[in-house]
Amino acid sequence: MNHSVSELIQGIHRLARGLPPMTIMEVCGTHTACIQKHGIPSLLPDNITLVSGPGCPVCVTAEEEIAQAIFMARQQGVIFTCFGDMMRVPCQQGSLYALYEQGKEVRLVTSPMDALKIAIDNPSKQVVYFGVGFETTTPHTAALAEAVAAQSIPNL
């Protein structure tokens, strides 16, 4: 079955005709970006509205926050740590992965506690843990904060 885009749009309009107004929430930031990039909202009938949902933490992290992370990671004497999914999130300033490729000290961690070990092993460097993640990572990030306070780790 091979349909043209205009045929698909006509089909959506035909199916939506007579339906009450509806709102559809997209729940992935990547989907939202793609929908906007390709102008899909302007192609939908008036009775269909798209709204952006919560999205995953990586997808909904503001570009300004990514830019701030990149700024910190560029600083001399900083080891910047984050989960792998944050490494490739782009912004106008690039990505953390691009900094890693340039030899900056950007390290992938699989647990917030990895950042604690890095800080202990590198007392002369400032270690930054970029705590973006799902609710499941929150207790681990809280445990990191507790450990840093309990062990008086000044460089994390």
C-alpha atoms as a PDB file:
ATOM      1  CA  MET A   1       0.000   0.000   0.000  1.00  0.00           C
ATOM      2  CA  ASN A   2       1.734   3.156  -1.212  1.00  0.00           C
ATOM      3  CA  HIS A   3      -0.064   6.444  -0.495  1.00  0.00           C
ATOM      4  CA  SER A   4       1.071   9.971  -1.151  1.00  0.00           C
ATOM      5  CA  VAL A   5       1.271  12.453   1.710  1.00  0.00           C
ATOM      6  CA  SER A   6      -1.656  14.422   0.309  1.00  0.00           C
ATOM      7  CA  GLU A   7      -3.771  11.246   0.206  1.00  0.00           C
ATOM      8  CA  LEU A   8      -2.945  10.546   3.851  1.00  0.00           C
ATOM      9  CA  ILE A   9      -3.825  14.116   4.859  1.00  0.00           C
ATOM     10  CA  GLN A  10      -7.117  13.892   2.963  1.00  0.00           C
ATOM     11  CA  GLY A  11      -7.830  10.592   4.736  1.00  0.00           C
ATOM     12  CA  ILE A  12      -7.208  12.134   8.161  1.00  0.00           C
ATOM     13  CA  HIS A  13      -9.524  15.048   7.322  1.00  0.00           C
ATOM     14  CA  ARG A  14     -12.194  12.636   6.054  1.00  0.00           C
ATOM     15  CA  LEU A  15     -12.022  10.468   9.194  1.00  0.00           C
ATOM     16  CA  ALA A  16     -12.083  13.512  11.508  1.00  0.00           C
ATOM     17  CA  ARG A  17     -15.095  15.091   9.819  1.00  0.00           C
ATOM     18  CA  GLY A  18     -18.039  15.141  12.219  1.00  0.00           C
ATOM     19  CA  LEU A  19     -15.998  14.105  15.234  1.00  0.00           C
ATOM     20  CA  PRO A  20     -16.035  16.269  18.348  1.00  0.00           C
ATOM     21  CA  PRO A  21     -12.907  18.318  19.034  1.00  0.00           C
ATOM     22  CA  MET A  22     -10.096  16.178  20.395  1.00  0.00           C
ATOM     23  CA  THR A  23      -6.733  16.788  21.939  1.00  0.00           C
ATOM     24  CA  ILE A  24      -3.927  14.302  21.424  1.00  0.00           C
ATOM     25  CA  MET A  25      -0.912  14.401  23.710  1.00  0.00           C
ATOM     26  CA  GLU A  26       2.434  13.323  22.371  1.00  0.00           C
ATOM     27  CA  VAL A  27       4.528  12.030  25.270  1.00  0.00           C
ATOM     28  CA  CYS A  28       8.007  11.929  23.770  1.00  0.00           C
ATOM     29  CA  GLY A  29      10.094  15.039  23.218  1.00  0.00           C
ATOM     30  CA  THR A  30      11.680  13.499  20.136  1.00  0.00           C
ATOM     31  CA  HIS A  31       8.220  12.951  18.656  1.00  0.00           C
ATOM     32  CA  THR A  32       7.257  16.537  19.517  1.00  0.00           C
ATOM     33  CA  ALA A  33      10.365  17.898  17.798  1.00  0.00           C
ATOM     34  CA  CYS A  34       9.713  15.791  14.697  1.00  0.00           C
ATOM     35  CA  ILE A  35       6.027  16.759  14.575  1.00  0.00           C
ATOM     36  CA  GLN A  36       6.927  20.458  14.767  1.00  0.00           C
ATOM     37  CA  LYS A  37       9.846  20.193  12.348  1.00  0.00           C
ATOM     38  CA  HIS A  38       7.622  18.735   9.651  1.00  0.00           C
ATOM     39  CA  GLY A  39       4.696  21.105  10.256  1.00  0.00           C
ATOM     40  CA  ILE A  40       2.228  18.350  11.083  1.00  0.00           C
ATOM     41  CA  PRO A  41      -0.012  20.524  13.324  1.00  0.00           C
ATOM     42  CA  SER A  42      -0.765  22.794  10.350  1.00  0.00           C
ATOM     43  CA  LEU A  43      -1.862  19.776   8.303  1.00  0.00           C
ATOM     44  CA  LEU A  44      -4.447  18.543  10.801  1.00  0.00           C
ATOM     45  CA  PRO A  45      -8.134  19.429  10.723  1.00  0.00           C
ATOM     46  CA  ASP A  46      -9.345  22.150  13.091  1.00  0.00           C
ATOM     47  CA  ASN A  47     -10.964  19.647  15.449  1.00  0.00           C
ATOM     48  CA  ILE A  48      -7.633  17.927  16.237  1.00  0.00           C
ATOM     49  CA  THR A  49      -5.180  19.655  18.556  1.00  0.00           C
ATOM     50  CA  LEU A  50      -1.762  18.328  19.526  1.00  0.00           C
ATOM     51  CA  VAL A  51      -0.227  19.145  22.907  1.00  0.00           C
ATOM     52  CA  SER A  52       3.174  18.249  24.255  1.00  0.00           C
ATOM     53  CA  GLY A  53       3.172  15.895  27.191  1.00  0.00           C
ATOM     54  CA  PRO A  54       5.734  15.340  29.887  1.00  0.00           C
ATOM     55  CA  GLY A  55       8.346  13.647  27.707  1.00  0.00           C
ATOM     56  CA  CYS A  56      11.363  11.874  29.088  1.00  0.00           C
ATOM     57  CA  PRO A  57      13.854  13.932  31.094  1.00  0.00           C
ATOM     58  CA  VAL A  58      16.460  13.900  28.360  1.00  0.00           C
ATOM     59  CA  CYS A  59      14.061  15.062  25.667  1.00  0.00           C
ATOM     60  CA  VAL A  60      12.554  17.819  27.764  1.00  0.00           C
ATOM     61  CA  THR A  61      15.777  19.210  29.221  1.00  0.00           C
ATOM     62  CA  ALA A  62      15.863  22.830  28.132  1.00  0.00           C
ATOM     63  CA  GLU A  63      18.488  23.797  25.574  1.00  0.00           C
ATOM     64  CA  GLU A  64      19.738  26.462  27.997  1.00  0.00           C
ATOM     65  CA  GLU A  65      20.494  23.754  30.565  1.00  0.00           C
ATOM     66  CA  ILE A  66      22.415  21.719  27.985  1.00  0.00           C
ATOM     67  CA  ALA A  67      24.336  24.878  27.049  1.00  0.00           C
ATOM     68  CA  GLN A  68      25.155  25.491  30.733  1.00  0.00           C
ATOM     69  CA  ALA A  69      26.328  21.882  31.073  1.00  0.00           C
ATOM     70  CA  ILE A  70      28.581  22.293  28.039  1.00  0.00           C
ATOM     71  CA  PHE A  71      29.942  25.545  29.490  1.00  0.00           C
ATOM     72  CA  MET A  72      30.804  23.784  32.767  1.00  0.00           C
ATOM     73  CA  ALA A  73      32.335  20.794  30.982  1.00  0.00           C
ATOM     74  CA  ARG A  74      34.636  23.125  29.020  1.00  0.00           C
ATOM     75  CA  GLN A  75      36.154  24.611  32.165  1.00  0.00           C
ATOM     76  CA  GLN A  76      39.741  23.809  33.086  1.00  0.00           C
ATOM     77  CA  GLY A  77      40.023  21.412  36.029  1.00  0.00           C
ATOM     78  CA  VAL A  78      36.478  20.052  35.689  1.00  0.00           C
ATOM     79  CA  ILE A  79      35.461  16.426  35.259  1.00  0.00           C
ATOM     80  CA  PHE A  80      31.881  16.455  34.007  1.00  0.00           C
ATOM     81  CA  THR A  81      29.801  13.305  34.602  1.00  0.00           C
ATOM     82  CA  CYS A  82      26.378  12.302  33.294  1.00  0.00           C
ATOM     83  CA  PHE A  83      24.335   9.355  32.132  1.00  0.00           C
ATOM     84  CA  GLY A  84      24.968   8.209  28.573  1.00  0.00           C
ATOM     85  CA  ASP A  85      21.660   9.417  27.158  1.00  0.00           C
ATOM     86  CA  MET A  86      22.641  13.026  27.920  1.00  0.00           C
ATOM     87  CA  MET A  87      25.931  12.759  26.031  1.00  0.00           C
ATOM     88  CA  ARG A  88      24.435  13.170  22.556  1.00  0.00           C
ATOM     89  CA  VAL A  89      21.698  15.717  23.268  1.00  0.00           C
ATOM     90  CA  PRO A  90      22.543  18.626  20.976  1.00  0.00           C
ATOM     91  CA  CYS A  91      22.212  22.356  21.375  1.00  0.00           C
ATOM     92  CA  GLN A  92      23.691  25.304  19.487  1.00  0.00           C
ATOM     93  CA  GLN A  93      26.932  24.937  21.444  1.00  0.00           C
ATOM     94  CA  GLY A  94      27.308  21.269  20.430  1.00  0.00           C
ATOM     95  CA  SER A  95      26.958  18.244  22.691  1.00  0.00           C
ATOM     96  CA  LEU A  96      28.729  16.715  25.650  1.00  0.00           C
ATOM     97  CA  TYR A  97      29.798  13.845  23.406  1.00  0.00           C
ATOM     98  CA  ALA A  98      31.464  16.308  21.030  1.00  0.00           C
ATOM     99  CA  LEU A  99      33.440  17.674  23.999  1.00  0.00           C
ATOM    100  CA  TYR A 100      34.411  14.129  24.955  1.00  0.00           C
ATOM    101  CA  GLU A 101      35.651  13.565  21.400  1.00  0.00           C
ATOM    102  CA  GLN A 102      37.703  16.774  21.719  1.00  0.00           C
ATOM    103  CA  GLY A 103      39.445  15.341  24.770  1.00  0.00           C
ATOM    104  CA  LYS A 104      37.534  17.196  27.486  1.00  0.00           C
ATOM    105  CA  GLU A 105      36.943  15.294  30.707  1.00  0.00           C
ATOM    106  CA  VAL A 106      33.340  14.289  30.089  1.00  0.00           C
ATOM    107  CA  ARG A 107      32.629  10.893  31.591  1.00  0.00           C
ATOM    108  CA  LEU A 108      29.677   8.579  31.254  1.00  0.00           C
ATOM    109  CA  VAL A 109      28.442   7.190  34.561  1.00  0.00           C
ATOM    110  CA  THR A 110      25.976   4.385  35.151  1.00  0.00           C
ATOM    111  CA  SER A 111      25.233   5.476  38.710  1.00  0.00           C
ATOM    112  CA  PRO A 112      25.468   8.798  40.532  1.00  0.00           C
ATOM    113  CA  MET A 113      27.832   7.050  42.955  1.00  0.00           C
ATOM    114  CA  ASP A 114      30.344   6.741  40.097  1.00  0.00           C
ATOM    115  CA  ALA A 115      30.717  10.523  40.343  1.00  0.00           C
ATOM    116  CA  LEU A 116      31.561  10.156  44.047  1.00  0.00           C
ATOM    117  CA  LYS A 117      34.363   7.692  43.273  1.00  0.00           C
ATOM    118  CA  ILE A 118      35.668   9.984  40.529  1.00  0.00           C
ATOM    119  CA  ALA A 119      35.699  12.913  42.990  1.00  0.00           C
ATOM    120  CA  ILE A 120      37.520  10.883  45.652  1.00  0.00           C
ATOM    121  CA  ASP A 121      40.070   9.660  43.082  1.00  0.00           C
ATOM    122  CA  ASN A 122      40.609  13.202  41.700  1.00  0.00           C
ATOM    123  CA  PRO A 123      40.739  15.583  44.689  1.00  0.00           C
ATOM    124  CA  SER A 124      42.411  18.348  42.677  1.00  0.00           C
ATOM    125  CA  LYS A 125      39.569  18.496  40.146  1.00  0.00           C
ATOM    126  CA  GLN A 126      36.020  19.793  40.449  1.00  0.00           C
ATOM    127  CA  VAL A 127      33.566  16.999  39.592  1.00  0.00           C
ATOM    128  CA  VAL A 128      30.129  17.896  38.248  1.00  0.00           C
ATOM    129  CA  TYR A 129      27.320  15.336  38.227  1.00  0.00           C
ATOM    130  CA  PHE A 130      24.596  16.344  35.755  1.00  0.00           C
ATOM    131  CA  GLY A 131      21.590  14.787  37.483  1.00  0.00           C
ATOM    132  CA  VAL A 132      19.074  14.442  34.671  1.00  0.00           C
ATOM    133  CA  GLY A 133      17.021  11.259  34.783  1.00  0.00           C
ATOM    134  CA  PHE A 134      13.745   9.533  35.431  1.00  0.00           C
ATOM    135  CA  GLU A 135      12.121   9.274  38.836  1.00  0.00           C
ATOM    136  CA  THR A 136      13.957   5.969  39.283  1.00  0.00           C
ATOM    137  CA  THR A 137      17.282   7.844  39.477  1.00  0.00           C
ATOM    138  CA  THR A 138      16.112  10.332  42.111  1.00  0.00           C
ATOM    139  CA  PRO A 139      16.836   8.106  45.150  1.00  0.00           C
ATOM    140  CA  HIS A 140      20.338   7.415  43.820  1.00  0.00           C
ATOM    141  CA  THR A 141      20.990  11.113  43.291  1.00  0.00           C
ATOM    142  CA  ALA A 142      19.737  11.791  46.834  1.00  0.00           C
ATOM    143  CA  ALA A 143      22.079   9.056  48.123  1.00  0.00           C
ATOM    144  CA  LEU A 144      24.939  10.787  46.311  1.00  0.00           C
ATOM    145  CA  ALA A 145      24.102  14.111  47.985  1.00  0.00           C
ATOM    146  CA  GLU A 146      23.965  12.372  51.388  1.00  0.00           C
ATOM    147  CA  ALA A 147      27.321  10.650  50.786  1.00  0.00           C
ATOM    148  CA  VAL A 148      28.975  13.897  49.657  1.00  0.00           C
ATOM    149  CA  ALA A 149      27.763  15.641  52.832  1.00  0.00           C
ATOM    150  CA  ALA A 150      28.630  12.717  55.151  1.00  0.00           C
ATOM    151  CA  GLN A 151      32.124  12.295  53.694  1.00  0.00           C
ATOM    152  CA  SER A 152      32.750  16.039  53.311  1.00  0.00           C
ATOM    153  CA  ILE A 153      33.712  15.749  49.644  1.00  0.00           C
ATOM    154  CA  PRO A 154      34.558  19.369  48.710  1.00  0.00           C
ATOM    155  CA  ASN A 155      35.046  18.846  44.975  1.00  0.00           C
ATOM    156  CA  LEU A 156      31.645  17.403  44.001  1.00  0.00           C
END
